[in-house]
Amino acid sequence: MDAELPPLGSVVFLDMETTGLNPYQDKVITIQVRRGGVTTVWREWELGEPGVIEGFFGFTDSVFRKRTHFVGYNLLKFDLPFLTRRAEANGLLGEERWRILNSYLHVVDLYQLLGDHYVSAKLFYAKLAGRTQTTRNEDIPTLYHQGSYQKIEEYIENEMQSMELLYQALLKQDFYQRLV
């Protein structure tokens, strides 16, 4: 049988925001998950970077990983490697956590399905649902340094809802069902 996209009920949408692209110099400022239409965010300005990372690991410990699929964009090339390095830099990465990030999580990376068309597809489906995004991903580090946390939170909620809408649209397309 061909592999298929996992059903929405077994999916956790995952994303994170950082102060830049270099995990040796920059840090994680938020990790967010969305499950069952509810977004949970761990915020650096409330918990510190170690608290954000611990919060995410606590979440992964609370879900049945064999039946949970983490869906996001560029998870394999950016988010998970960045998170691995930042966990290590904060003294939070033992062997078990390394395995969680690099082996145990079932990941569907939307970049592998849509490539660079992800952003335009996400915006298209969000617009159909009446959602607009005025903040861009590249604005997040500046907003963080300015202390504009509310704008970051609005961006995150829009981003997570848009990712869910896009995934729901992909579930309806037989073409994408067969690419996993």
Protein backbone atom coordinates (compact mmCIF):
# COMPACT_ATOMS: atom_id res chain seq x y z
CA MET A 1 0.00 0.00 0.00
CA ASP A 2 1.22 3.51 -0.80
CA ALA A 3 2.07 5.83 2.05
CA GLU A 4 -0.48 8.59 2.54
CA LEU A 5 -0.68 11.85 4.39
CA PRO A 6 -1.71 11.16 7.98
CA PRO A 7 -5.29 12.09 8.92
CA LEU A 8 -5.82 15.43 10.63
CA GLY A 9 -6.69 13.78 13.95
CA SER A 10 -3.18 12.32 14.28
CA VAL A 11 -1.36 15.53 13.33
CA VAL A 12 0.44 18.10 15.46
CA PHE A 13 1.52 21.18 13.53
CA LEU A 14 4.96 22.35 14.61
CA ASP A 15 6.86 25.57 14.03
CA MET A 16 9.36 27.75 15.82
CA GLU A 17 10.65 31.28 15.62
CA THR A 18 14.28 32.23 16.12
CA THR A 19 16.40 35.37 16.31
CA GLY A 20 18.20 34.31 13.11
CA LEU A 21 19.32 31.39 11.00
CA ASN A 22 22.55 30.37 12.77
CA PRO A 23 21.97 28.01 15.72
CA TYR A 24 25.50 28.72 17.00
CA GLN A 25 24.78 32.46 17.36
CA ASP A 26 21.00 32.81 17.42
CA LYS A 27 18.39 31.38 19.75
CA VAL A 28 14.89 29.94 19.81
CA ILE A 29 12.33 32.54 20.83
CA THR A 30 9.16 30.45 20.44
CA ILE A 31 8.15 26.89 19.75
CA GLN A 32 4.52 26.40 18.86
CA VAL A 33 2.33 23.39 18.26
CA ARG A 34 -1.26 23.20 17.06
CA ARG A 35 -3.47 20.22 17.75
CA GLY A 36 -7.22 19.95 17.52
CA GLY A 37 -7.50 23.60 16.48
CA VAL A 38 -5.66 24.86 19.59
CA THR A 39 -2.23 26.50 19.43
CA THR A 40 0.21 26.18 22.34
CA VAL A 41 3.20 28.51 22.42
CA TRP A 42 6.28 28.39 24.62
CA ARG A 43 7.74 31.93 24.74
CA GLU A 44 11.35 32.85 25.43
CA TRP A 45 10.36 36.20 26.97
CA GLU A 46 8.40 34.31 29.64
CA LEU A 47 10.40 31.09 30.10
CA GLY A 48 13.89 31.79 28.75
CA GLU A 49 15.25 29.67 25.93
CA PRO A 50 15.84 26.58 28.14
CA GLY A 51 12.23 26.78 29.35
CA VAL A 52 10.94 26.93 25.78
CA ILE A 53 12.93 23.85 24.83
CA GLU A 54 11.91 21.99 28.02
CA GLY A 55 8.28 22.88 27.32
CA PHE A 56 8.47 21.31 23.88
CA PHE A 57 10.14 18.15 25.20
CA GLY A 58 7.44 17.95 27.86
CA PHE A 59 4.85 18.09 25.09
CA THR A 60 6.55 15.33 23.08
CA ASP A 61 6.56 13.20 26.24
CA SER A 62 2.80 13.77 26.62
CA VAL A 63 1.77 12.52 23.16
CA PHE A 64 1.80 8.98 21.88
CA ARG A 65 4.65 9.49 19.40
CA LYS A 66 3.99 6.30 17.43
CA ARG A 67 0.59 7.64 16.40
CA THR A 68 1.37 11.35 16.24
CA HIS A 69 2.72 13.00 13.11
CA PHE A 70 4.48 16.35 13.39
CA VAL A 71 3.71 18.48 10.35
CA GLY A 72 5.52 21.69 9.46
CA TYR A 73 7.48 23.50 6.83
CA ASN A 74 11.22 22.91 6.56
CA LEU A 75 11.28 20.87 9.77
CA LEU A 76 13.98 18.52 8.52
CA LYS A 77 16.38 21.14 7.15
CA PHE A 78 15.89 23.94 9.68
CA ASP A 79 13.64 23.56 12.73
CA LEU A 80 14.79 20.19 14.07
CA PRO A 81 18.54 20.74 13.41
CA PHE A 82 18.32 24.25 14.93
CA LEU A 83 16.45 22.90 17.95
CA THR A 84 18.97 20.07 18.36
CA ARG A 85 21.86 22.53 18.44
CA ARG A 86 20.11 24.93 20.83
CA ALA A 87 19.16 22.08 23.18
CA GLU A 88 22.81 21.03 23.16
CA ALA A 89 24.01 24.61 23.79
CA ASN A 90 21.68 24.84 26.80
CA GLY A 91 22.81 21.50 28.24
CA LEU A 92 19.42 19.92 27.53
CA LEU A 93 20.38 17.35 24.90
CA GLY A 94 21.06 13.87 26.17
CA GLU A 95 20.92 10.72 24.09
CA GLU A 96 17.17 10.20 24.59
CA ARG A 97 16.30 13.75 23.50
CA TRP A 98 18.62 13.47 20.52
CA ARG A 99 16.70 10.33 19.52
CA ILE A 100 13.37 12.13 19.95
CA LEU A 101 14.42 14.93 17.58
CA ASN A 102 16.28 12.79 15.07
CA SER A 103 14.55 9.43 15.08
CA TYR A 104 11.39 9.05 17.15
CA LEU A 105 9.27 11.90 15.80
CA HIS A 106 7.19 11.03 12.77
CA VAL A 107 7.63 14.10 10.55
CA VAL A 108 5.77 15.29 7.48
CA ASP A 109 7.77 18.18 6.06
CA LEU A 110 5.62 20.31 3.80
CA TYR A 111 8.78 21.58 2.11
CA GLN A 112 9.23 18.10 0.67
CA LEU A 113 5.73 18.25 -0.80
CA LEU A 114 5.53 21.85 -1.94
CA GLY A 115 9.09 23.17 -2.07
CA ASP A 116 9.29 26.92 -2.40
CA HIS A 117 5.59 27.05 -3.37
CA TYR A 118 4.57 26.51 0.27
CA VAL A 119 4.31 30.21 1.09
CA SER A 120 2.14 31.08 -1.91
CA ALA A 121 -0.08 28.02 -1.34
CA LYS A 122 -0.46 28.82 2.37
CA LEU A 123 -1.36 32.44 1.62
CA PHE A 124 -3.84 31.34 -1.07
CA TYR A 125 -5.75 29.01 1.28
CA ALA A 126 -5.58 31.49 4.14
CA LYS A 127 -7.03 34.20 1.90
CA LEU A 128 -9.87 31.87 0.89
CA ALA A 129 -10.64 31.53 4.60
CA GLY A 130 -10.55 35.30 5.07
CA ARG A 131 -7.18 35.37 6.85
CA THR A 132 -4.45 37.85 5.99
CA GLN A 133 -0.87 37.99 7.22
CA THR A 134 0.71 41.44 7.52
CA THR A 135 3.82 40.32 9.41
CA ARG A 136 6.46 38.31 7.57
CA ASN A 137 8.66 35.60 9.01
CA GLU A 138 11.76 37.71 8.46
CA ASP A 139 10.20 40.46 10.64
CA ILE A 140 10.18 38.25 13.75
CA PRO A 141 13.76 38.90 14.98
CA THR A 142 13.23 42.68 14.75
CA LEU A 143 9.87 42.46 16.50
CA TYR A 144 11.47 40.34 19.23
CA HIS A 145 14.30 42.83 19.81
CA GLN A 146 11.72 45.66 19.91
CA GLY A 147 9.68 43.76 22.51
CA SER A 148 6.67 43.63 20.14
CA TYR A 149 5.56 40.28 21.53
CA GLN A 150 1.86 40.77 20.73
CA LYS A 151 2.67 41.11 17.01
CA ILE A 152 4.74 37.93 17.20
CA GLU A 153 1.84 36.12 18.87
CA GLU A 154 -0.60 37.33 16.20
CA TYR A 155 1.81 36.17 13.49
CA ILE A 156 2.16 32.76 15.14
CA GLU A 157 -1.59 32.20 15.43
CA ASN A 158 -2.16 33.22 11.79
CA GLU A 159 0.76 31.05 10.67
CA MET A 160 -0.47 27.98 12.54
CA GLN A 161 -4.06 28.38 11.34
CA SER A 162 -2.85 28.87 7.77
CA MET A 163 -0.65 25.76 7.99
CA GLU A 164 -3.65 23.76 9.19
CA LEU A 165 -5.83 25.10 6.34
CA LEU A 166 -3.18 24.22 3.80
CA TYR A 167 -2.80 20.71 5.20
CA GLN A 168 -6.58 20.20 5.10
CA ALA A 169 -6.51 21.20 1.42
CA LEU A 170 -3.66 18.78 0.72
CA LEU A 171 -5.61 15.94 2.32
CA LYS A 172 -8.24 16.41 -0.38
CA GLN A 173 -5.72 16.12 -3.22
CA ASP A 174 -4.92 12.60 -4.34
CA PHE A 175 -1.71 13.85 -5.95
CA TYR A 176 -0.26 14.90 -2.57
CA GLN A 177 -1.58 11.80 -0.84
CA ARG A 178 0.78 9.66 -2.91
CA LEU A 179 3.92 11.79 -2.42
CA VAL A 180 4.53 11.02 1.25
